[in-house]
Protein backbone atom coordinates (compact mmCIF):
# COMPACT_ATOMS: atom_id res chain seq x y z
CA MET A 1 0.03 0.38 -0.12
CA ALA A 2 1.27 3.65 -0.71
CA LYS A 3 2.35 5.91 1.86
CA PRO A 4 -0.64 8.25 2.63
CA GLY A 5 0.18 11.87 1.29
CA ARG A 6 -0.17 14.94 3.28
CA ARG A 7 -4.28 15.61 4.16
CA ILE A 8 -5.76 18.70 3.27
CA VAL A 9 -6.70 19.07 7.11
CA ASP A 10 -3.52 19.38 7.91
CA ALA A 11 -2.33 21.87 5.46
CA LEU A 12 -5.13 24.20 6.77
CA ASP A 13 -4.12 23.74 10.16
CA ASP A 14 -0.72 25.04 9.20
CA LEU A 15 -2.76 27.98 7.39
CA ILE A 16 -4.48 28.81 10.20
CA ALA A 17 -1.52 28.90 12.79
CA GLU A 18 0.58 30.91 10.17
CA LEU A 19 -2.50 33.41 10.41
CA ARG A 20 -2.97 33.35 14.07
CA LEU A 21 0.94 34.27 13.90
CA ALA A 22 0.54 37.26 11.48
CA ASN A 23 -2.28 38.29 13.65
CA ARG A 24 -0.59 38.50 16.84
CA LEU A 25 2.58 40.21 15.84
CA ARG A 26 0.21 42.77 13.86
CA ALA A 27 -1.28 43.33 17.05
CA LEU A 28 2.10 43.77 18.45
CA GLU A 29 2.87 46.90 15.43
CA LEU A 30 -0.22 48.35 17.14
CA GLY A 31 0.94 49.18 20.15
CA PRO A 32 -0.67 48.72 23.74
CA ALA A 33 -3.53 51.32 23.89
CA ALA A 34 -4.68 49.55 20.60
CA LEU A 35 -6.08 46.72 22.32
CA GLU A 36 -6.62 48.47 25.67
CA HIS A 37 -10.45 49.47 27.66
CA ASP A 38 -12.01 53.04 26.64
CA ASP A 39 -13.73 53.63 29.76
CA GLY A 40 -15.51 56.62 27.40
CA LYS A 41 -14.78 59.49 29.44
CA ARG A 42 -13.93 62.03 26.84
CA ALA A 43 -17.12 60.55 24.52
CA THR A 44 -19.80 63.08 25.47
CA THR A 45 -22.45 62.53 23.27
CA ASP A 46 -24.46 59.84 22.42
CA THR A 47 -23.34 58.79 19.25
CA ALA A 48 -19.59 58.63 20.51
CA LYS A 49 -20.48 56.57 23.69
CA ARG A 50 -21.90 54.32 21.02
CA ARG A 51 -18.83 54.36 19.01
CA VAL A 52 -16.48 54.14 22.35
CA ALA A 53 -18.67 50.80 23.12
CA GLN A 54 -18.98 49.51 18.88
CA ARG A 55 -14.72 49.47 19.45
CA ASN A 56 -14.46 48.12 23.43
CA GLN A 57 -16.48 45.11 22.29
CA LEU A 58 -14.07 44.60 18.48
CA ARG A 59 -10.94 44.86 21.05
CA ALA A 60 -12.19 42.37 23.80
CA GLU A 61 -12.75 40.17 20.57
CA VAL A 62 -9.68 40.56 19.44
CA ARG A 63 -7.67 39.96 22.28
CA THR A 64 -9.96 36.89 22.64
CA ALA A 65 -8.63 35.54 19.54
CA LEU A 66 -5.01 36.43 20.21
CA GLY A 67 -5.49 34.82 23.32
CA MET A 68 -4.88 37.71 25.67
CA GLY A 69 -7.69 36.84 27.58
CA GLU A 70 -9.97 39.57 29.70
């Protein structure tokens, strides 16, 4: 019997690992404040407060995806 070659699943796992590493490296380039929670003290209008909440949600998702925890 022929030895099975590399599986597509293995190739996808490697690709995902490389993408995660690339994302972590890019996050490091952003600087520490880019992923920190914004307390919204400077937001005075409803629109600004909504934007702060949306960005905080995105930051939380990115921190979780990067394995930084909360």
